[in-house]
Amino acid sequence: VQNVMSWTTGSLIGVGWEEVRLLFPYTILSCFLISFCHKPLDLLLLGENNAKSIGLSVEKWRFILAFFGVCAAAATVSVCGLIGFVGLIAPHISRTLIGRENRLLIPCCGIIGCLLLVCSDTLSRIIFNPIQIPVGIIMSILGGIFFIILIYSLIYSKKNGINALKTE
């Protein structure tokens, strides 16, 4: 029961170098494959009709991108469990920092996600020392706070006539 609870909340408790060695080939392969996908992603930002008119096979690239993303996530989730909000917070922060260009956005999301996870894991280890809580709990708290701020900023920007979703 303890192992299932750790997996469902997302935890790095008991994860060591053996798991890192196990995930390393999947991580390298995913990063390598995803690094070639920035151009189709940029075209998809133009909208489905515009991407098709430029010559992009939208259905094919959606499948390819979803497949790469699912494979990368599945490998990590199999070891660490469901650590929520990392994949939701990191892109928002990255897009705010560097804009929408996927050539830069993809690696920035990875770096921001790693930093979020390391900081959350550090907090989970020191808050109730010597008891270590699952990192997924800390990420859920941070995610909740982040999305309350995000919703507030969207409501505030609508009241003031600002397009909060537009980034240059």
Protein backbone atom coordinates (compact mmCIF):
# COMPACT_ATOMS: atom_id res chain seq x y z
CA VAL A 1 0.00 0.00 0.00
CA GLN A 2 2.86 2.37 0.82
CA ASN A 3 4.45 1.80 -2.59
CA VAL A 4 1.15 2.41 -4.38
CA MET A 5 0.58 5.63 -2.39
CA SER A 6 4.08 6.84 -3.23
CA TRP A 7 3.56 6.07 -6.90
CA THR A 8 0.14 7.75 -7.14
CA THR A 9 1.29 10.93 -5.40
CA GLY A 10 4.63 10.95 -7.21
CA SER A 11 7.75 10.39 -5.21
CA LEU A 12 11.50 10.27 -5.57
CA ILE A 13 11.81 8.31 -2.32
CA GLY A 14 13.90 5.25 -3.04
CA VAL A 15 14.86 6.39 -6.54
CA GLY A 16 18.58 6.02 -7.05
CA TRP A 17 21.29 5.70 -9.66
CA GLU A 18 19.92 2.39 -10.92
CA GLU A 19 16.71 4.15 -11.98
CA VAL A 20 18.72 6.99 -13.52
CA ARG A 21 20.69 4.42 -15.52
CA LEU A 22 17.42 2.79 -16.56
CA LEU A 23 15.85 6.07 -17.73
CA PHE A 24 18.97 7.54 -19.37
CA PRO A 25 18.56 5.94 -22.84
CA TYR A 26 14.88 6.92 -22.99
CA THR A 27 15.69 10.46 -21.93
CA ILE A 28 18.46 10.88 -24.49
CA LEU A 29 16.36 9.35 -27.27
CA SER A 30 13.34 11.52 -26.39
CA CYS A 31 15.42 14.71 -26.25
CA PHE A 32 17.07 13.85 -29.56
CA LEU A 33 13.77 13.13 -31.33
CA ILE A 34 11.87 16.06 -29.86
CA SER A 35 14.68 18.46 -30.78
CA PHE A 36 13.82 17.87 -34.45
CA CYS A 37 10.15 18.75 -33.94
CA HIS A 38 10.37 22.49 -33.34
CA LYS A 39 9.50 23.48 -36.94
CA PRO A 40 6.25 21.47 -37.13
CA LEU A 41 5.31 22.79 -33.69
CA ASP A 42 5.87 26.37 -34.86
CA LEU A 43 3.70 25.69 -37.92
CA LEU A 44 0.95 24.19 -35.76
CA LEU A 45 0.88 27.46 -33.77
CA LEU A 46 -0.36 29.17 -36.94
CA GLY A 47 -3.54 27.11 -36.81
CA GLU A 48 -4.59 23.88 -38.46
CA ASN A 49 -5.78 25.44 -41.74
CA ASN A 50 -2.68 27.62 -42.13
CA ALA A 51 -0.35 24.71 -41.34
CA LYS A 52 -2.12 22.55 -43.93
CA SER A 53 -1.91 25.30 -46.53
CA ILE A 54 1.86 25.53 -45.98
CA GLY A 55 2.10 21.80 -46.61
CA LEU A 56 2.32 20.32 -43.11
CA SER A 57 0.61 16.99 -42.61
CA VAL A 58 -1.20 18.06 -39.44
CA GLU A 59 -2.61 14.65 -38.47
CA LYS A 60 0.74 12.92 -38.99
CA TRP A 61 2.67 15.46 -36.93
CA ARG A 62 0.08 15.49 -34.14
CA PHE A 63 0.45 11.72 -33.89
CA ILE A 64 4.27 11.88 -33.98
CA LEU A 65 4.44 14.63 -31.35
CA ALA A 66 1.92 12.90 -29.09
CA PHE A 67 3.80 9.61 -29.46
CA PHE A 68 7.15 11.17 -28.48
CA GLY A 69 5.56 12.97 -25.54
CA VAL A 70 3.74 9.89 -24.28
CA CYS A 71 6.86 7.71 -24.56
CA ALA A 72 8.98 10.24 -22.65
CA ALA A 73 6.33 10.68 -19.95
CA ALA A 74 5.67 6.93 -19.64
CA ALA A 75 9.31 6.14 -18.97
CA THR A 76 9.52 8.73 -16.22
CA VAL A 77 6.14 7.90 -14.65
CA SER A 78 7.09 4.22 -14.52
CA VAL A 79 9.90 5.12 -12.12
CA CYS A 80 8.71 8.20 -10.22
CA GLY A 81 4.95 7.95 -10.35
CA LEU A 82 2.55 10.71 -11.20
CA ILE A 83 4.27 13.97 -10.36
CA GLY A 84 1.65 16.44 -11.43
CA PHE A 85 1.93 20.04 -12.52
CA VAL A 86 5.56 19.91 -13.70
CA GLY A 87 4.43 19.54 -17.29
CA LEU A 88 1.85 22.28 -16.82
CA ILE A 89 3.88 24.88 -14.93
CA ALA A 90 7.19 24.62 -16.83
CA PRO A 91 5.77 25.59 -20.26
CA HIS A 92 3.96 28.63 -18.83
CA ILE A 93 7.09 29.87 -17.08
CA SER A 94 9.26 29.13 -20.13
CA ARG A 95 6.90 30.88 -22.53
CA THR A 96 6.88 33.92 -20.25
CA LEU A 97 10.69 33.97 -20.16
CA ILE A 98 11.57 33.33 -23.80
CA GLY A 99 8.42 33.58 -25.94
CA ARG A 100 6.83 31.07 -28.31
CA GLU A 101 9.74 29.96 -30.50
CA ASN A 102 9.81 26.20 -29.98
CA ARG A 103 13.49 25.87 -30.87
CA LEU A 104 14.23 27.61 -27.56
CA LEU A 105 11.04 26.75 -25.71
CA ILE A 106 11.51 22.97 -25.72
CA PRO A 107 14.91 22.92 -23.96
CA CYS A 108 13.84 25.74 -21.64
CA CYS A 109 10.78 23.71 -20.55
CA GLY A 110 13.06 20.79 -19.75
CA ILE A 111 15.43 22.94 -17.69
CA ILE A 112 12.61 24.73 -15.84
CA GLY A 113 10.88 21.40 -15.19
CA CYS A 114 14.09 19.93 -13.77
CA LEU A 115 14.63 22.94 -11.54
CA LEU A 116 11.03 22.81 -10.29
CA LEU A 117 11.33 19.13 -9.49
CA VAL A 118 14.71 19.45 -7.73
CA CYS A 119 13.50 22.42 -5.65
CA SER A 120 10.25 20.62 -4.78
CA ASP A 121 12.15 17.46 -3.84
CA THR A 122 14.49 19.48 -1.64
CA LEU A 123 11.49 21.06 0.10
CA SER A 124 9.83 17.67 0.53
CA ARG A 125 12.95 16.38 2.27
CA ILE A 126 13.47 19.31 4.67
CA ILE A 127 9.99 20.56 5.62
CA PHE A 128 9.13 17.73 8.02
CA ASN A 129 12.65 16.40 8.56
CA PRO A 130 13.28 13.46 9.28
CA ILE A 131 10.01 12.46 7.57
CA GLN A 132 10.13 12.81 3.79
CA ILE A 133 6.84 13.58 2.07
CA PRO A 134 6.25 12.68 -1.59
CA VAL A 135 7.41 15.39 -4.00
CA GLY A 136 4.05 15.19 -5.77
CA ILE A 137 2.38 16.80 -2.76
CA ILE A 138 4.74 19.81 -2.91
CA MET A 139 4.23 20.07 -6.69
CA SER A 140 0.45 19.98 -6.19
CA ILE A 141 0.64 22.84 -3.70
CA LEU A 142 2.89 24.87 -6.02
CA GLY A 143 0.65 24.02 -8.98
CA GLY A 144 -2.46 25.14 -7.15
CA ILE A 145 -0.86 28.45 -6.19
CA PHE A 146 0.49 28.90 -9.73
CA PHE A 147 -2.88 28.35 -11.36
CA ILE A 148 -4.69 30.63 -8.91
CA ILE A 149 -2.22 33.36 -9.90
CA LEU A 150 -2.66 32.49 -13.59
CA ILE A 151 -6.46 32.65 -13.38
CA TYR A 152 -6.30 35.91 -11.44
CA SER A 153 -3.99 37.44 -14.07
CA LEU A 154 -6.35 36.35 -16.87
CA ILE A 155 -9.36 37.85 -15.09
CA TYR A 156 -7.44 41.06 -14.33
CA SER A 157 -6.24 41.38 -17.93
CA LYS A 158 -9.79 40.88 -19.30
CA LYS A 159 -11.10 43.62 -17.01
CA ASN A 160 -8.41 46.00 -18.26
CA GLY A 161 -8.67 45.03 -21.93
CA ILE A 162 -5.23 43.40 -22.06
CA ASN A 163 -4.72 40.26 -24.13
CA ALA A 164 -2.85 38.17 -21.52
CA LEU A 165 -2.38 35.22 -23.86
CA LYS A 166 -0.60 37.26 -26.53
CA THR A 167 3.18 37.00 -26.33
CA GLU A 168 5.63 38.70 -28.65
